[in-house]
Amino acid sequence: MVLIYWVMALPQRVGIVAAWCLGIVVDVLSGSLIGQHAVAYILVSYAVTQGYQQLRMISVWQQSVAVLVLVGASQLISIWIQSIAGMTSFSWWHMLPAVVSAFIWPWIFLVLRYLRRQFRVT
């Protein structure tokens, strides 16, 4: 969600490369397949980059629906990669992070926007 916010807020500074780097770090820290999260984050980052102007224009609650779809897509990509490797099978419980992300998005958005304005990040 933090990646989604920063790609939406500063698409000229945070994008595909940042998503790849963050994905590799998450892969190493979580002990998952190298590149699994990187691929998912790159695809989500690309989608946000393509539609960041539309995302900025809608309300925070409508953005929550977009976050639900984006995080859900990221989860599906990760599960798909794990299933190809024979590490897991699909369960609807894997979609729980997407639902939780949609519910807490308004608060994450407000906190990150406050911090961006407080530290004058442009």
Protein backbone atom coordinates (compact mmCIF):
# COMPACT_ATOMS: atom_id res chain seq x y z
CA MET A 1 0.00 0.00 0.00
CA VAL A 2 2.89 2.33 0.70
CA LEU A 3 4.25 1.61 -2.77
CA ILE A 4 0.84 2.33 -4.30
CA TYR A 5 0.66 5.65 -2.47
CA TRP A 6 4.13 6.82 -3.50
CA VAL A 7 3.68 5.78 -7.13
CA MET A 8 0.38 7.64 -7.17
CA ALA A 9 1.79 10.73 -5.39
CA LEU A 10 5.19 10.94 -7.11
CA PRO A 11 5.08 8.89 -10.33
CA GLN A 12 8.12 10.70 -11.77
CA ARG A 13 10.28 9.65 -8.79
CA VAL A 14 8.84 6.30 -7.64
CA GLY A 15 8.02 3.72 -10.28
CA ILE A 16 9.02 0.43 -11.78
CA VAL A 17 12.63 0.44 -10.55
CA ALA A 18 11.58 1.25 -6.98
CA ALA A 19 8.95 -1.50 -7.16
CA TRP A 20 11.54 -4.01 -8.35
CA CYS A 21 14.01 -3.07 -5.61
CA LEU A 22 11.33 -3.23 -2.93
CA GLY A 23 10.14 -6.59 -4.27
CA ILE A 24 13.63 -8.08 -4.13
CA VAL A 25 14.05 -6.82 -0.55
CA VAL A 26 10.69 -8.37 0.44
CA ASP A 27 11.69 -11.64 -1.25
CA VAL A 28 14.97 -11.79 0.66
CA LEU A 29 13.41 -10.84 4.00
CA SER A 30 10.48 -13.25 3.68
CA GLY A 31 12.50 -16.13 2.28
CA SER A 32 10.25 -16.53 -0.75
CA LEU A 33 11.27 -17.20 -4.34
CA ILE A 34 13.56 -14.46 -5.60
CA GLY A 35 11.57 -12.30 -7.95
CA GLN A 36 8.13 -13.40 -6.78
CA HIS A 37 7.18 -10.16 -5.06
CA ALA A 38 9.28 -8.14 -7.48
CA VAL A 39 7.16 -9.26 -10.43
CA ALA A 40 3.93 -8.59 -8.54
CA TYR A 41 5.07 -5.14 -7.41
CA ILE A 42 6.28 -4.20 -10.89
CA LEU A 43 2.88 -5.05 -12.41
CA VAL A 44 1.00 -3.14 -9.69
CA SER A 45 3.37 -0.19 -10.05
CA TYR A 46 2.86 -0.17 -13.80
CA ALA A 47 -0.93 -0.19 -13.38
CA VAL A 48 -0.80 2.70 -10.91
CA THR A 49 1.59 4.63 -13.15
CA GLN A 50 -0.82 4.29 -16.06
CA GLY A 51 -3.80 5.49 -14.04
CA TYR A 52 -2.37 7.77 -11.37
CA GLN A 53 -4.18 10.86 -12.67
CA GLN A 54 -7.54 9.12 -12.45
CA LEU A 55 -6.72 7.75 -9.00
CA ARG A 56 -5.89 11.22 -7.73
CA MET A 57 -9.26 12.57 -8.88
CA ILE A 58 -11.49 10.05 -7.11
CA SER A 59 -12.37 10.02 -3.41
CA VAL A 60 -10.38 8.09 -0.85
CA TRP A 61 -13.20 5.56 -0.51
CA GLN A 62 -13.18 4.91 -4.24
CA GLN A 63 -9.41 4.60 -4.05
CA SER A 64 -9.99 1.86 -1.48
CA VAL A 65 -11.74 -0.19 -4.16
CA ALA A 66 -8.78 0.36 -6.49
CA VAL A 67 -6.42 -0.72 -3.70
CA LEU A 68 -8.54 -3.84 -3.18
CA VAL A 69 -8.13 -4.71 -6.86
CA LEU A 70 -4.41 -3.85 -6.97
CA VAL A 71 -3.44 -5.73 -3.80
CA GLY A 72 -5.68 -8.61 -4.85
CA ALA A 73 -3.88 -8.77 -8.20
CA SER A 74 -0.55 -8.72 -6.41
CA GLN A 75 -1.66 -11.58 -4.17
CA LEU A 76 -2.93 -13.59 -7.14
CA ILE A 77 0.37 -13.13 -8.98
CA SER A 78 2.33 -14.26 -5.91
CA ILE A 79 0.09 -17.29 -5.42
CA TRP A 80 0.35 -18.14 -9.11
CA ILE A 81 4.16 -18.05 -8.98
CA GLN A 82 4.18 -20.18 -5.82
CA SER A 83 1.81 -22.71 -7.37
CA ILE A 84 4.02 -23.01 -10.44
CA ALA A 85 6.91 -23.81 -8.10
CA GLY A 86 4.70 -26.34 -6.30
CA MET A 87 4.86 -24.49 -3.01
CA THR A 88 1.16 -23.75 -2.40
CA SER A 89 -2.34 -24.04 -3.76
CA PHE A 90 -5.02 -21.38 -3.98
CA SER A 91 -7.22 -20.62 -1.01
CA TRP A 92 -9.59 -17.72 -0.53
CA TRP A 93 -7.69 -16.89 2.66
CA HIS A 94 -4.90 -15.60 0.43
CA MET A 95 -7.21 -12.73 -0.55
CA LEU A 96 -7.62 -11.51 3.04
CA PRO A 97 -4.69 -9.03 2.78
CA ALA A 98 -6.46 -7.32 -0.13
CA VAL A 99 -9.66 -6.86 1.89
CA VAL A 100 -7.77 -5.58 4.94
CA SER A 101 -5.76 -3.22 2.73
CA ALA A 102 -8.96 -1.75 1.31
CA PHE A 103 -10.31 -1.11 4.80
CA ILE A 104 -7.19 0.59 6.14
CA TRP A 105 -6.34 2.53 2.95
CA PRO A 106 -8.06 5.78 4.03
CA TRP A 107 -5.95 5.99 7.18
CA ILE A 108 -2.72 5.01 5.43
CA PHE A 109 -3.45 7.57 2.73
CA LEU A 110 -4.06 10.35 5.26
CA VAL A 111 -0.93 9.55 7.28
CA LEU A 112 1.33 9.35 4.23
CA ARG A 113 -0.13 12.54 2.75
CA TYR A 114 0.43 14.32 6.07
CA LEU A 115 4.05 13.13 6.19
CA ARG A 116 4.63 14.11 2.56
CA ARG A 117 3.33 17.60 3.22
CA GLN A 118 5.08 17.92 6.58
CA PHE A 119 8.49 17.08 5.08
CA ARG A 120 7.67 18.88 1.79
CA VAL A 121 8.44 15.88 -0.42
CA THR A 122 7.84 16.79 -4.05
